[in-house]
Amino acid sequence: MKTLKDGIIKFQQNYFSEHKEIFSELAKTQKPHTLYIGCSDSRVVPNIITKAMPGELFVVRNIGNMVPPYGSDKYQFRCTSSIIEYAVKVLEVDNIVVCGHSNCGGCKALYYDKDKLAKTPLVKEWLSLADEVRDRILKKNLSYEEREFQTEQLNVVKQLENLLTYPFVKERFEKGELNIVGWYYVIETGDVFDYDFDEGEFRLIS
C-alpha cells in the first residue's frame, strides 16, 4: 500500500502539476475519441501503449478482452455491454479498439479441464464467451506455442464480430461514422499488430 500512496504523491507533484490545464478542462466534461476494450492483465496498460492523455480513452477491461454478444441476458455480462452502449450512444466515440495480447491467461484457461475452473465459477462462465474460439482452434493440429498465439488473435477477431451484433454499433460502422479496430499486443517486444479486415490477418503497426 505504501508504494501506491507514494505513487499518488509523485503523481500530484509531477504529472498533475505539468498538466493542470488539461485536468481543469476534464473536471467539466469528457469527450474521449476512443472506446478501448482490453484485458484486465496488469501488464497491458492502454494509456502507456498508446501514449494517450487523460480524457482520450474510455476504457473497459475484463478477462480476455471479451465483448458479450448483443442481448446477452446473463447479469454478469451486462457491465461491458452497458459501457459499449454508453460510449457509442452518449459519448459518441469515433473509434472502438479491441486489444488482445500475448501470454493471455484468459485464453490459456479456455483449455483447462472443468475441475481446474471449479473454484472460480464466475470466471468459468465469463470464459464461455470464447468457447467458439477454443473449438475452432482445437480442429487444427497445432503446437502449444502456435495454439497460444492463434487463440489470442482469433479471440480478438471473435470479439470484433460480437461487437457488430450491437445494432447501434453496426449502424454507425456501416455509415462510416465509427472505426472498429482489432489489435494484438506482444508484451515482450512492445509490438502491436493491427487486424486487416480485408486480408483477414494481423499486420505490424510500424
Protein backbone atom coordinates (compact mmCIF):
# COMPACT_ATOMS: atom_id res chain seq x y z
CA MET A 1 0.00 0.00 0.00
CA LYS A 2 2.88 2.36 0.74
CA THR A 3 4.02 2.01 -2.88
CA LEU A 4 0.61 3.16 -4.11
CA LYS A 5 0.48 6.12 -1.73
CA ASP A 6 3.99 7.18 -2.72
CA GLY A 7 2.84 6.99 -6.32
CA ILE A 8 -0.05 9.35 -5.59
CA ILE A 9 2.32 11.90 -4.13
CA LYS A 10 4.63 11.67 -7.15
CA PHE A 11 1.61 12.00 -9.47
CA GLN A 12 0.46 15.15 -7.72
CA GLN A 13 3.95 16.69 -7.64
CA ASN A 14 4.95 15.82 -11.19
CA TYR A 15 2.37 14.67 -13.76
CA PHE A 16 -0.60 16.60 -12.37
CA SER A 17 1.42 19.79 -11.93
CA GLU A 18 2.62 19.60 -15.55
CA HIS A 19 -0.92 19.07 -16.93
CA LYS A 20 -3.07 21.26 -14.68
CA GLU A 21 -4.86 22.88 -17.61
CA ILE A 22 -5.93 19.52 -19.04
CA PHE A 23 -7.32 18.35 -15.68
CA SER A 24 -9.09 21.67 -15.24
CA GLU A 25 -10.93 21.12 -18.53
CA LEU A 26 -11.64 17.47 -17.74
CA ALA A 27 -13.29 18.49 -14.47
CA LYS A 28 -16.15 19.95 -16.53
CA THR A 29 -16.79 17.16 -19.05
CA GLN A 30 -15.24 14.32 -21.01
CA LYS A 31 -15.09 13.79 -24.75
CA PRO A 32 -12.99 10.67 -25.38
CA HIS A 33 -12.37 9.81 -29.01
CA THR A 34 -11.93 6.08 -28.44
CA LEU A 35 -13.54 3.22 -26.57
CA TYR A 36 -10.75 0.81 -25.63
CA ILE A 37 -11.81 -2.76 -24.81
CA GLY A 38 -8.87 -4.62 -23.33
CA CYS A 39 -7.77 -7.33 -20.96
CA SER A 40 -7.52 -6.78 -17.20
CA ASP A 41 -3.97 -8.16 -17.31
CA SER A 42 -1.72 -5.90 -15.22
CA ARG A 43 0.99 -5.94 -17.90
CA VAL A 44 -1.19 -4.34 -20.58
CA VAL A 45 -1.83 -0.66 -19.85
CA PRO A 46 -3.70 1.17 -22.64
CA ASN A 47 -2.50 4.70 -21.89
CA ILE A 48 1.12 3.57 -21.87
CA ILE A 49 0.82 1.58 -25.10
CA THR A 50 -0.96 4.38 -26.99
CA LYS A 51 0.60 7.35 -25.16
CA ALA A 52 -2.95 8.68 -24.78
CA MET A 53 -3.57 11.62 -22.48
CA PRO A 54 -6.26 11.69 -19.77
CA GLY A 55 -9.67 12.18 -21.34
CA GLU A 56 -8.84 10.47 -24.64
CA LEU A 57 -9.74 6.86 -23.89
CA PHE A 58 -12.97 5.46 -22.44
CA VAL A 59 -11.81 2.10 -21.11
CA VAL A 60 -13.34 -1.24 -20.19
CA ARG A 61 -11.01 -4.07 -19.19
CA ASN A 62 -12.05 -7.62 -18.42
CA ILE A 63 -10.63 -11.13 -18.53
CA GLY A 64 -9.73 -11.93 -22.13
CA ASN A 65 -10.87 -8.60 -23.63
CA MET A 66 -14.31 -10.09 -24.23
CA VAL A 67 -17.37 -8.50 -25.85
CA PRO A 68 -20.63 -10.23 -24.92
CA PRO A 69 -22.96 -10.56 -27.94
CA TYR A 70 -25.79 -8.04 -28.02
CA GLY A 71 -28.80 -9.11 -25.97
CA SER A 72 -26.91 -11.48 -23.67
CA ASP A 73 -29.24 -11.97 -20.72
CA LYS A 74 -26.67 -13.05 -18.14
CA TYR A 75 -26.33 -10.36 -15.47
CA GLN A 76 -22.54 -10.59 -15.22
CA PHE A 77 -22.20 -9.80 -18.94
CA ARG A 78 -24.05 -6.50 -18.72
CA CYS A 79 -21.23 -4.33 -17.39
CA THR A 80 -19.22 -4.47 -20.62
CA SER A 81 -22.37 -4.20 -22.74
CA SER A 82 -23.55 -1.09 -20.88
CA ILE A 83 -20.15 0.55 -21.34
CA ILE A 84 -20.29 -0.08 -25.09
CA GLU A 85 -23.80 1.39 -25.19
CA TYR A 86 -22.77 4.49 -23.22
CA ALA A 87 -19.61 5.06 -25.26
CA VAL A 88 -21.41 4.87 -28.61
CA LYS A 89 -24.79 6.41 -27.81
CA VAL A 90 -23.86 9.07 -25.24
CA LEU A 91 -20.16 9.85 -25.67
CA GLU A 92 -20.35 9.25 -29.43
CA VAL A 93 -16.78 7.97 -29.68
CA ASP A 94 -15.13 7.90 -33.10
CA ASN A 95 -13.27 4.63 -32.60
CA ILE A 96 -13.56 1.29 -30.84
CA VAL A 97 -10.42 -0.75 -30.21
CA VAL A 98 -10.45 -4.38 -29.09
CA CYS A 99 -6.94 -5.21 -27.88
CA GLY A 100 -5.73 -8.72 -27.10
CA HIS A 101 -2.21 -9.65 -26.05
CA SER A 102 0.43 -12.35 -25.80
CA ASN A 103 0.61 -14.76 -22.86
CA CYS A 104 -3.07 -14.17 -22.06
CA GLY A 105 -4.18 -16.12 -19.00
CA GLY A 106 -7.82 -15.93 -20.05
CA CYS A 107 -7.10 -17.55 -23.39
CA LYS A 108 -4.98 -20.24 -21.73
CA ALA A 109 -7.84 -21.03 -19.35
CA LEU A 110 -10.09 -21.93 -22.29
CA TYR A 111 -8.20 -25.24 -22.40
CA TYR A 112 -8.31 -26.02 -18.67
CA ASP A 113 -10.29 -29.06 -17.57
CA LYS A 114 -13.54 -28.41 -15.72
CA ASP A 115 -12.09 -29.25 -12.31
CA LYS A 116 -9.39 -26.58 -12.60
CA LEU A 117 -12.02 -23.85 -13.01
CA ALA A 118 -14.39 -25.28 -10.38
CA LYS A 119 -13.30 -22.80 -7.69
CA THR A 120 -13.91 -19.82 -10.00
CA PRO A 121 -17.42 -20.40 -11.40
CA LEU A 122 -17.89 -16.77 -12.42
CA VAL A 123 -14.64 -16.84 -14.41
CA LYS A 124 -15.69 -20.13 -15.98
CA GLU A 125 -18.99 -18.66 -17.13
CA TRP A 126 -17.30 -15.50 -18.42
CA LEU A 127 -14.84 -17.53 -20.49
CA SER A 128 -17.75 -19.30 -22.19
CA LEU A 129 -17.89 -16.18 -24.39
CA ALA A 130 -14.86 -17.62 -26.21
CA ASP A 131 -15.99 -21.26 -26.45
CA GLU A 132 -16.30 -20.92 -30.22
CA VAL A 133 -12.70 -19.69 -30.42
CA ARG A 134 -11.44 -22.72 -28.48
CA ASP A 135 -13.49 -25.14 -30.57
CA ARG A 136 -12.20 -23.70 -33.84
CA ILE A 137 -8.59 -23.85 -32.67
CA LEU A 138 -8.93 -27.45 -31.46
CA LYS A 139 -9.81 -28.51 -35.01
CA LYS A 140 -6.26 -27.59 -36.05
CA ASN A 141 -3.10 -29.62 -35.48
CA LEU A 142 -1.01 -27.03 -33.64
CA SER A 143 1.93 -26.97 -31.27
CA TYR A 144 1.36 -25.43 -27.83
CA GLU A 145 3.03 -22.17 -28.90
CA GLU A 146 1.02 -21.97 -32.14
CA ARG A 147 -2.20 -22.74 -30.29
CA GLU A 148 -1.48 -19.98 -27.77
CA PHE A 149 -0.96 -17.08 -30.16
CA GLN A 150 -3.59 -18.26 -32.66
CA THR A 151 -6.14 -18.44 -29.84
CA GLU A 152 -5.25 -14.93 -28.69
CA GLN A 153 -5.54 -13.49 -32.17
CA LEU A 154 -8.69 -15.39 -33.14
CA ASN A 155 -10.24 -14.24 -29.87
CA VAL A 156 -9.74 -10.61 -30.94
CA VAL A 157 -11.47 -11.35 -34.25
CA LYS A 158 -14.36 -13.09 -32.47
CA GLN A 159 -14.88 -10.12 -30.16
CA LEU A 160 -14.94 -7.79 -33.18
CA GLU A 161 -17.68 -10.00 -34.63
CA ASN A 162 -19.59 -9.80 -31.34
CA LEU A 163 -19.21 -6.02 -31.35
CA LEU A 164 -21.01 -5.82 -34.68
CA THR A 165 -24.05 -7.63 -33.23
CA TYR A 166 -24.89 -4.34 -31.44
CA PRO A 167 -27.34 -2.58 -33.80
CA PHE A 168 -26.18 0.93 -32.84
CA VAL A 169 -22.54 -0.07 -33.39
CA LYS A 170 -23.20 -1.75 -36.73
CA GLU A 171 -25.28 1.20 -37.98
CA ARG A 172 -22.57 3.79 -37.30
CA PHE A 173 -19.84 1.47 -38.60
CA GLU A 174 -21.64 0.85 -41.90
CA LYS A 175 -22.23 4.60 -42.30
CA GLY A 176 -18.51 5.23 -41.90
CA GLU A 177 -19.09 7.17 -38.67
CA LEU A 178 -17.29 4.70 -36.41
CA ASN A 179 -13.92 2.99 -36.81
CA ILE A 180 -13.60 -0.53 -35.40
CA VAL A 181 -10.09 -1.83 -34.82
CA GLY A 182 -8.57 -5.09 -33.55
CA TRP A 183 -5.09 -5.06 -32.03
CA TYR A 184 -2.72 -7.76 -30.79
CA TYR A 185 -0.03 -6.58 -28.36
CA VAL A 186 3.15 -8.57 -27.74
CA ILE A 187 4.32 -7.93 -24.19
CA GLU A 188 7.97 -8.90 -24.58
CA THR A 189 8.64 -6.81 -27.71
CA GLY A 190 6.17 -3.93 -27.41
CA ASP A 191 4.92 -4.67 -30.94
CA VAL A 192 1.27 -4.02 -31.76
CA PHE A 193 -0.40 -5.75 -34.71
CA ASP A 194 -3.49 -4.31 -36.40
CA TYR A 195 -6.18 -6.60 -37.81
CA ASP A 196 -6.74 -6.17 -41.55
CA PHE A 197 -10.42 -6.96 -42.18
CA ASP A 198 -9.93 -7.36 -45.92
CA GLU A 199 -6.94 -9.72 -45.71
CA GLY A 200 -8.06 -11.46 -42.52
CA GLU A 201 -4.66 -11.16 -40.85
CA PHE A 202 -2.76 -9.03 -38.34
CA ARG A 203 -0.18 -6.56 -39.61
CA LEU A 204 2.53 -4.87 -37.55
CA ILE A 205 1.95 -1.19 -36.79
CA SER A 206 5.25 0.49 -37.62
